[in-house]
PDB file of all heavy atoms in Angstrom:
ATOM      1  N   ASN A   1       0.851  -1.170  -0.016  1.00  0.00           N
ATOM      2  CA  ASN A   1      -0.006   0.044  -0.019  1.00  0.00           C
ATOM      3  C   ASN A   1       0.865   1.182  -0.018  1.00  0.00           C
ATOM      4  O   ASN A   1       1.330   1.699   1.053  1.00  0.00           O
ATOM      5  CB  ASN A   1      -0.941  -0.001   1.249  1.00  0.00           C
ATOM      6  CG  ASN A   1      -1.834   1.170   1.243  1.00  0.00           C
ATOM      7  OD1 ASN A   1      -1.647   2.205   0.530  1.00  0.00           O
ATOM      8  ND2 ASN A   1      -2.872   1.089   2.101  1.00  0.00           N
ATOM      9  N   ILE A   2       1.157   1.750  -1.203  1.00  0.00           N
ATOM     10  CA  ILE A   2       2.227   2.809  -1.342  1.00  0.00           C
ATOM     11  C   ILE A   2       1.828   4.037  -0.563  1.00  0.00           C
ATOM     12  O   ILE A   2       2.705   4.731   0.015  1.00  0.00           O
ATOM     13  CB  ILE A   2       2.436   3.055  -2.826  1.00  0.00           C
ATOM     14  CG1 ILE A   2       3.783   3.865  -2.994  1.00  0.00           C
ATOM     15  CG2 ILE A   2       1.339   3.791  -3.493  1.00  0.00           C
ATOM     16  CD1 ILE A   2       4.342   3.845  -4.340  1.00  0.00           C
ATOM     17  N   ASN A   3       0.529   4.361  -0.473  1.00  0.00           N
ATOM     18  CA  ASN A   3       0.136   5.560   0.287  1.00  0.00           C
ATOM     19  C   ASN A   3       0.406   5.428   1.773  1.00  0.00           C
ATOM     20  O   ASN A   3       0.867   6.344   2.418  1.00  0.00           O
ATOM     21  CB  ASN A   3      -1.348   5.876   0.057  1.00  0.00           C
ATOM     22  CG  ASN A   3      -1.579   6.351  -1.397  1.00  0.00           C
ATOM     23  OD1 ASN A   3      -0.766   6.976  -1.995  1.00  0.00           O
ATOM     24  ND2 ASN A   3      -2.749   5.959  -1.898  1.00  0.00           N
ATOM     25  N   LYS A   4       0.143   4.237   2.323  1.00  0.00           N
ATOM     26  CA  LYS A   4       0.392   4.005   3.771  1.00  0.00           C
ATOM     27  C   LYS A   4       1.900   3.998   4.041  1.00  0.00           C
ATOM     28  O   LYS A   4       2.386   4.552   5.009  1.00  0.00           O
ATOM     29  CB  LYS A   4      -0.180   2.657   4.170  1.00  0.00           C
ATOM     30  CG  LYS A   4       0.008   2.273   5.602  1.00  0.00           C
ATOM     31  CD  LYS A   4      -0.740   3.187   6.510  1.00  0.00           C
ATOM     32  CE  LYS A   4      -0.617   2.705   7.911  1.00  0.00           C
ATOM     33  NZ  LYS A   4      -1.053   3.618   8.897  1.00  0.00           N
ATOM     34  N   ILE A   5       2.673   3.434   3.095  1.00  0.00           N
ATOM     35  CA  ILE A   5       4.144   3.377   3.244  1.00  0.00           C
ATOM     36  C   ILE A   5       4.721   4.748   3.198  1.00  0.00           C
ATOM     37  O   ILE A   5       5.536   5.143   4.062  1.00  0.00           O
ATOM     38  CB  ILE A   5       4.765   2.506   2.171  1.00  0.00           C
ATOM     39  CG1 ILE A   5       4.343   1.045   2.328  1.00  0.00           C
ATOM     40  CG2 ILE A   5       6.281   2.609   2.176  1.00  0.00           C
ATOM     41  CD1 ILE A   5       4.505   0.190   1.106  1.00  0.00           C
ATOM     42  N   ARG A   6       4.250   5.597   2.241  1.00  0.00           N
ATOM     43  CA  ARG A   6       4.734   6.992   2.169  1.00  0.00           C
ATOM     44  C   ARG A   6       4.337   7.785   3.427  1.00  0.00           C
ATOM     45  O   ARG A   6       5.148   8.536   3.918  1.00  0.00           O
ATOM     46  CB  ARG A   6       4.189   7.671   0.922  1.00  0.00           C
ATOM     47  CG  ARG A   6       4.820   7.184  -0.333  1.00  0.00           C
ATOM     48  CD  ARG A   6       4.161   7.753  -1.521  1.00  0.00           C
ATOM     49  NE  ARG A   6       4.902   7.401  -2.747  1.00  0.00           N
ATOM     50  CZ  ARG A   6       4.362   7.495  -3.963  1.00  0.00           C
ATOM     51  NH1 ARG A   6       3.146   7.968  -4.142  1.00  0.00           N
ATOM     52  NH2 ARG A   6       5.107   7.099  -5.018  1.00  0.00           N
ATOM     53  N   ASP A   7       3.137   7.536   3.886  1.00  0.00           N
ATOM     54  CA  ASP A   7       2.684   8.195   5.149  1.00  0.00           C
ATOM     55  C   ASP A   7       3.586   7.843   6.319  1.00  0.00           C
ATOM     56  O   ASP A   7       3.948   8.716   7.090  1.00  0.00           O
ATOM     57  CB  ASP A   7       1.232   7.795   5.410  1.00  0.00           C
ATOM     58  CG  ASP A   7       0.647   8.579   6.606  1.00  0.00           C
ATOM     59  OD1 ASP A   7       0.719   9.776   6.649  1.00  0.00           O
ATOM     60  OD2 ASP A   7       0.132   7.818   7.502  1.00  0.00           O
ATOM     61  N   LEU A   8       3.961   6.602   6.418  1.00  0.00           N
ATOM     62  CA  LEU A   8       4.829   6.196   7.496  1.00  0.00           C
ATOM     63  C   LEU A   8       6.180   6.792   7.405  1.00  0.00           C
ATOM     64  O   LEU A   8       6.810   7.195   8.426  1.00  0.00           O
ATOM     65  CB  LEU A   8       4.857   4.653   7.598  1.00  0.00           C
ATOM     66  CG  LEU A   8       3.713   3.962   8.245  1.00  0.00           C
ATOM     67  CD1 LEU A   8       3.862   2.466   8.166  1.00  0.00           C
ATOM     68  CD2 LEU A   8       3.475   4.436   9.638  1.00  0.00           C
ATOM     69  N   PHE A   9       6.761   6.795   6.187  1.00  0.00           N
ATOM     70  CA  PHE A   9       8.019   7.435   6.011  1.00  0.00           C
ATOM     71  C   PHE A   9       7.967   8.903   6.419  1.00  0.00           C
ATOM     72  O   PHE A   9       8.827   9.391   7.147  1.00  0.00           O
ATOM     73  CB  PHE A   9       8.516   7.345   4.542  1.00  0.00           C
ATOM     74  CG  PHE A   9       9.293   6.089   4.217  1.00  0.00           C
ATOM     75  CD1 PHE A   9       8.851   5.214   3.270  1.00  0.00           C
ATOM     76  CD2 PHE A   9      10.534   5.832   4.835  1.00  0.00           C
ATOM     77  CE1 PHE A   9       9.572   4.083   2.981  1.00  0.00           C
ATOM     78  CE2 PHE A   9      11.204   4.722   4.553  1.00  0.00           C
ATOM     79  CZ  PHE A   9      10.736   3.808   3.582  1.00  0.00           C
ATOM     80  N   GLN A  10       6.913   9.554   6.028  1.00  0.00           N
ATOM     81  CA  GLN A  10       6.795  10.999   6.329  1.00  0.00           C
ATOM     82  C   GLN A  10       6.622  11.177   7.868  1.00  0.00           C
ATOM     83  O   GLN A  10       7.288  12.033   8.451  1.00  0.00           O
ATOM     84  CB  GLN A  10       5.608  11.599   5.598  1.00  0.00           C
ATOM     85  CG  GLN A  10       5.493  13.097   5.757  1.00  0.00           C
ATOM     86  CD  GLN A  10       4.403  13.678   4.913  1.00  0.00           C
ATOM     87  OE1 GLN A  10       3.448  12.965   4.574  1.00  0.00           O
ATOM     88  NE2 GLN A  10       4.480  14.877   4.594  1.00  0.00           N
ATOM     89  N   LYS A  11       5.769  10.362   8.471  1.00  0.00           N
ATOM     90  CA  LYS A  11       5.592  10.467   9.937  1.00  0.00           C
ATOM     91  C   LYS A  11       6.874  10.187  10.719  1.00  0.00           C
ATOM     92  O   LYS A  11       7.215  10.866  11.696  1.00  0.00           O
ATOM     93  CB  LYS A  11       4.531   9.505  10.425  1.00  0.00           C
ATOM     94  CG  LYS A  11       3.128   9.946  10.160  1.00  0.00           C
ATOM     95  CD  LYS A  11       2.208   8.896  10.719  1.00  0.00           C
ATOM     96  CE  LYS A  11       0.736   9.242  10.463  1.00  0.00           C
ATOM     97  NZ  LYS A  11      -0.162   8.254  11.039  1.00  0.00           N
ATOM     98  N   SER A  12       7.611   9.226  10.233  1.00  0.00           N
ATOM     99  CA  SER A  12       8.899   8.812  10.948  1.00  0.00           C
ATOM    100  C   SER A  12       9.928   9.938  10.834  1.00  0.00           C
ATOM    101  O   SER A  12      10.591  10.281  11.758  1.00  0.00           O
ATOM    102  CB  SER A  12       9.399   7.487  10.489  1.00  0.00           C
ATOM    103  OG  SER A  12       9.764   7.564   9.099  1.00  0.00           O
ATOM    104  N   ILE A  13      10.010  10.570   9.623  1.00  0.00           N
ATOM    105  CA  ILE A  13      10.991  11.596   9.456  1.00  0.00           C
ATOM    106  C   ILE A  13      10.591  12.833  10.289  1.00  0.00           C
ATOM    107  O   ILE A  13      11.455  13.464  10.879  1.00  0.00           O
ATOM    108  CB  ILE A  13      11.029  11.941   7.929  1.00  0.00           C
ATOM    109  CG1 ILE A  13      11.762  10.785   7.212  1.00  0.00           C
ATOM    110  CG2 ILE A  13      11.735  13.274   7.695  1.00  0.00           C
ATOM    111  CD1 ILE A  13      11.629  10.842   5.718  1.00  0.00           C
ATOM    112  N   LEU A  14       9.312  13.181  10.346  1.00  0.00           N
ATOM    113  CA  LEU A  14       8.914  14.294  11.197  1.00  0.00           C
ATOM    114  C   LEU A  14       9.078  13.974  12.674  1.00  0.00           C
ATOM    115  O   LEU A  14       9.432  14.900  13.468  1.00  0.00           O
ATOM    116  CB  LEU A  14       7.388  14.607  10.945  1.00  0.00           C
ATOM    117  CG  LEU A  14       7.105  15.252   9.566  1.00  0.00           C
ATOM    118  CD1 LEU A  14       5.621  15.366   9.334  1.00  0.00           C
ATOM    119  CD2 LEU A  14       7.764  16.568   9.395  1.00  0.00           C
ATOM    120  N   TYR A  15       8.929  12.747  13.049  1.00  0.00           N
ATOM    121  CA  TYR A  15       9.143  12.333  14.412  1.00  0.00           C
ATOM    122  C   TYR A  15      10.584  12.586  14.799  1.00  0.00           C
ATOM    123  O   TYR A  15      10.876  13.203  15.848  1.00  0.00           O
ATOM    124  CB  TYR A  15       8.817  10.839  14.599  1.00  0.00           C
ATOM    125  CG  TYR A  15       9.214  10.231  15.887  1.00  0.00           C
ATOM    126  CD1 TYR A  15       8.325  10.362  17.010  1.00  0.00           C
ATOM    127  CD2 TYR A  15      10.349   9.538  16.089  1.00  0.00           C
ATOM    128  CE1 TYR A  15       8.666   9.776  18.277  1.00  0.00           C
ATOM    129  CE2 TYR A  15      10.747   8.991  17.299  1.00  0.00           C
ATOM    130  CZ  TYR A  15       9.848   9.117  18.342  1.00  0.00           C
ATOM    131  OH  TYR A  15      10.201   8.546  19.573  1.00  0.00           O
ATOM    132  N   PHE A  16      11.568  12.155  13.968  1.00  0.00           N
ATOM    133  CA  PHE A  16      12.889  12.321  14.303  1.00  0.00           C
ATOM    134  C   PHE A  16      13.338  13.786  14.156  1.00  0.00           C
ATOM    135  O   PHE A  16      14.266  14.208  14.865  1.00  0.00           O
ATOM    136  CB  PHE A  16      13.798  11.355  13.466  1.00  0.00           C
ATOM    137  CG  PHE A  16      13.739   9.986  13.926  1.00  0.00           C
ATOM    138  CD1 PHE A  16      13.102   9.024  13.202  1.00  0.00           C
ATOM    139  CD2 PHE A  16      14.233   9.591  15.181  1.00  0.00           C
ATOM    140  CE1 PHE A  16      12.997   7.699  13.661  1.00  0.00           C
ATOM    141  CE2 PHE A  16      14.196   8.288  15.639  1.00  0.00           C
ATOM    142  CZ  PHE A  16      13.512   7.367  14.900  1.00  0.00           C
ATOM    143  N   LYS A  17      12.672  14.511  13.318  1.00  0.00           N
ATOM    144  CA  LYS A  17      12.997  15.965  13.231  1.00  0.00           C
ATOM    145  C   LYS A  17      12.607  16.648  14.489  1.00  0.00           C
ATOM    146  O   LYS A  17      13.387  17.488  15.017  1.00  0.00           O
ATOM    147  CB  LYS A  17      12.296  16.587  12.037  1.00  0.00           C
ATOM    148  CG  LYS A  17      12.560  18.015  11.815  1.00  0.00           C
ATOM    149  CD  LYS A  17      11.880  18.557  10.611  1.00  0.00           C
ATOM    150  CE  LYS A  17      12.269  20.017  10.449  1.00  0.00           C
ATOM    151  NZ  LYS A  17      11.597  20.608   9.248  1.00  0.00           N
ATOM    152  N   SER A  18      11.425  16.301  15.047  1.00  0.00           N
ATOM    153  CA  SER A  18      10.993  16.921  16.304  1.00  0.00           C
ATOM    154  C   SER A  18      11.888  16.561  17.478  1.00  0.00           C
ATOM    155  O   SER A  18      11.957  17.326  18.430  1.00  0.00           O
ATOM    156  CB  SER A  18       9.579  16.514  16.600  1.00  0.00           C
ATOM    157  OG  SER A  18       9.479  15.177  16.999  1.00  0.00           O
ATOM    158  N   LYS A  19      12.543  15.393  17.416  1.00  0.00           N
ATOM    159  CA  LYS A  19      13.434  14.995  18.504  1.00  0.00           C
ATOM    160  C   LYS A  19      14.864  15.416  18.247  1.00  0.00           C
ATOM    161  O   LYS A  19      15.758  15.107  19.038  1.00  0.00           O
ATOM    162  CB  LYS A  19      13.404  13.453  18.603  1.00  0.00           C
ATOM    163  CG  LYS A  19      12.054  12.853  18.787  1.00  0.00           C
ATOM    164  CD  LYS A  19      11.422  13.234  20.137  1.00  0.00           C
ATOM    165  CE  LYS A  19      10.074  12.621  20.242  1.00  0.00           C
ATOM    166  NZ  LYS A  19       9.309  13.123  21.398  1.00  0.00           N
ATOM    167  N   LYS A  20      15.102  16.111  17.115  1.00  0.00           N
ATOM    168  CA  LYS A  20      16.461  16.576  16.688  1.00  0.00           C
ATOM    169  C   LYS A  20      17.431  15.464  16.571  1.00  0.00           C
ATOM    170  O   LYS A  20      18.547  15.574  16.954  1.00  0.00           O
ATOM    171  CB  LYS A  20      16.927  17.650  17.648  1.00  0.00           C
ATOM    172  CG  LYS A  20      16.089  18.907  17.755  1.00  0.00           C
ATOM    173  CD  LYS A  20      16.644  19.981  18.546  1.00  0.00           C
ATOM    174  CE  LYS A  20      15.812  21.204  18.764  1.00  0.00           C
ATOM    175  NZ  LYS A  20      14.831  21.578  17.899  1.00  0.00           N
ATOM    176  N   MET A  21      16.938  14.341  15.987  1.00  0.00           N
ATOM    177  CA  MET A  21      17.772  13.188  15.788  1.00  0.00           C
ATOM    178  C   MET A  21      18.043  13.116  14.259  1.00  0.00           C
ATOM    179  O   MET A  21      17.401  12.379  13.527  1.00  0.00           O
ATOM    180  CB  MET A  21      17.064  11.912  16.290  1.00  0.00           C
ATOM    181  CG  MET A  21      16.864  11.967  17.775  1.00  0.00           C
ATOM    182  SD  MET A  21      15.956  10.542  18.428  1.00  0.00           S
ATOM    183  CE  MET A  21      17.145   9.226  18.250  1.00  0.00           C
ATOM    184  N   ASN A  22      19.003  13.926  13.864  1.00  0.00           N
ATOM    185  CA  ASN A  22      19.277  14.091  12.445  1.00  0.00           C
ATOM    186  C   ASN A  22      19.845  12.917  11.720  1.00  0.00           C
ATOM    187  O   ASN A  22      19.510  12.666  10.547  1.00  0.00           O
ATOM    188  CB  ASN A  22      20.170  15.331  12.230  1.00  0.00           C
ATOM    189  CG  ASN A  22      19.494  16.594  12.656  1.00  0.00           C
ATOM    190  OD1 ASN A  22      18.260  16.739  12.515  1.00  0.00           O
ATOM    191  ND2 ASN A  22      20.224  17.554  13.147  1.00  0.00           N
ATOM    192  N   TYR A  23      20.669  12.166  12.401  1.00  0.00           N
ATOM    193  CA  TYR A  23      21.234  10.920  11.761  1.00  0.00           C
ATOM    194  C   TYR A  23      20.107   9.968  11.387  1.00  0.00           C
ATOM    195  O   TYR A  23      20.031   9.467  10.241  1.00  0.00           O
ATOM    196  CB  TYR A  23      22.245  10.292  12.696  1.00  0.00           C
ATOM    197  CG  TYR A  23      22.831   9.031  12.088  1.00  0.00           C
ATOM    198  CD1 TYR A  23      23.799   9.067  11.116  1.00  0.00           C
ATOM    199  CD2 TYR A  23      22.334   7.791  12.442  1.00  0.00           C
ATOM    200  CE1 TYR A  23      24.302   7.932  10.547  1.00  0.00           C
ATOM    201  CE2 TYR A  23      22.826   6.591  11.913  1.00  0.00           C
ATOM    202  CZ  TYR A  23      23.816   6.705  10.919  1.00  0.00           C
ATOM    203  OH  TYR A  23      24.300   5.538  10.363  1.00  0.00           O
ATOM    204  N   GLU A  24      19.193   9.667  12.344  1.00  0.00           N
ATOM    205  CA  GLU A  24      18.136   8.769  12.087  1.00  0.00           C
ATOM    206  C   GLU A  24      17.205   9.277  11.003  1.00  0.00           C
ATOM    207  O   GLU A  24      16.714   8.497  10.116  1.00  0.00           O
ATOM    208  CB  GLU A  24      17.336   8.507  13.362  1.00  0.00           C
ATOM    209  CG  GLU A  24      18.105   7.708  14.372  1.00  0.00           C
ATOM    210  CD  GLU A  24      19.104   8.508  15.233  1.00  0.00           C
ATOM    211  OE1 GLU A  24      19.248   9.709  14.994  1.00  0.00           O
ATOM    212  OE2 GLU A  24      19.698   7.919  16.127  1.00  0.00           O
ATOM    213  N   ARG A  25      16.946  10.628  11.026  1.00  0.00           N
ATOM    214  CA  ARG A  25      16.094  11.195  10.014  1.00  0.00           C
ATOM    215  C   ARG A  25      16.737  11.063   8.650  1.00  0.00           C
ATOM    216  O   ARG A  25      16.046  10.703   7.676  1.00  0.00           O
ATOM    217  CB  ARG A  25      15.851  12.703  10.340  1.00  0.00           C
ATOM    218  CG  ARG A  25      14.892  13.394   9.391  1.00  0.00           C
ATOM    219  CD  ARG A  25      14.506  14.727   9.893  1.00  0.00           C
ATOM    220  NE  ARG A  25      15.627  15.590  10.201  1.00  0.00           N
ATOM    221  CZ  ARG A  25      15.826  16.731   9.591  1.00  0.00           C
ATOM    222  NH1 ARG A  25      15.035  17.217   8.680  1.00  0.00           N
ATOM    223  NH2 ARG A  25      16.869  17.502   9.976  1.00  0.00           N
ATOM    224  N   GLY A  26      18.023  11.267   8.585  1.00  0.00           N
ATOM    225  CA  GLY A  26      18.730  11.129   7.279  1.00  0.00           C
ATOM    226  C   GLY A  26      18.683   9.698   6.791  1.00  0.00           C
ATOM    227  O   GLY A  26      18.515   9.408   5.580  1.00  0.00           O
ATOM    228  N   GLU A  27      18.859   8.745   7.691  1.00  0.00           N
ATOM    229  CA  GLU A  27      18.803   7.324   7.299  1.00  0.00           C
ATOM    230  C   GLU A  27      17.411   7.010   6.783  1.00  0.00           C
ATOM    231  O   GLU A  27      17.284   6.227   5.796  1.00  0.00           O
ATOM    232  CB  GLU A  27      19.120   6.411   8.524  1.00  0.00           C
ATOM    233  CG  GLU A  27      20.552   6.497   8.916  1.00  0.00           C
ATOM    234  CD  GLU A  27      21.489   5.844   7.858  1.00  0.00           C
ATOM    235  OE1 GLU A  27      21.165   4.735   7.420  1.00  0.00           O
ATOM    236  OE2 GLU A  27      22.473   6.469   7.497  1.00  0.00           O
ATOM    237  N   LEU A  28      16.348   7.491   7.363  1.00  0.00           N
ATOM    238  CA  LEU A  28      14.991   7.245   6.875  1.00  0.00           C
ATOM    239  C   LEU A  28      14.731   7.906   5.577  1.00  0.00           C
ATOM    240  O   LEU A  28      14.080   7.311   4.690  1.00  0.00           O
ATOM    241  CB  LEU A  28      14.012   7.688   7.949  1.00  0.00           C
ATOM    242  CG  LEU A  28      13.825   6.711   9.058  1.00  0.00           C
ATOM    243  CD1 LEU A  28      13.150   7.393  10.254  1.00  0.00           C
ATOM    244  CD2 LEU A  28      12.993   5.534   8.628  1.00  0.00           C
ATOM    245  N   MET A  29      15.256   9.117   5.372  1.00  0.00           N
ATOM    246  CA  MET A  29      15.120   9.776   4.052  1.00  0.00           C
ATOM    247  C   MET A  29      15.801   8.984   2.950  1.00  0.00           C
ATOM    248  O   MET A  29      15.298   8.807   1.862  1.00  0.00           O
ATOM    249  CB  MET A  29      15.648  11.218   4.156  1.00  0.00           C
ATOM    250  CG  MET A  29      14.833  12.091   5.035  1.00  0.00           C
ATOM    251  SD  MET A  29      15.568  13.730   5.304  1.00  0.00           S
ATOM    252  CE  MET A  29      15.197  14.563   3.810  1.00  0.00           C
TER     253      MET A  29
END
């Protein structure tokens, strides 16, 4: 389900951005 997958990628990236965890955010991107 490409829409659900994209949504999860976006949520996870925003999650790590809010926690200032740039390495993890970069890995997810």
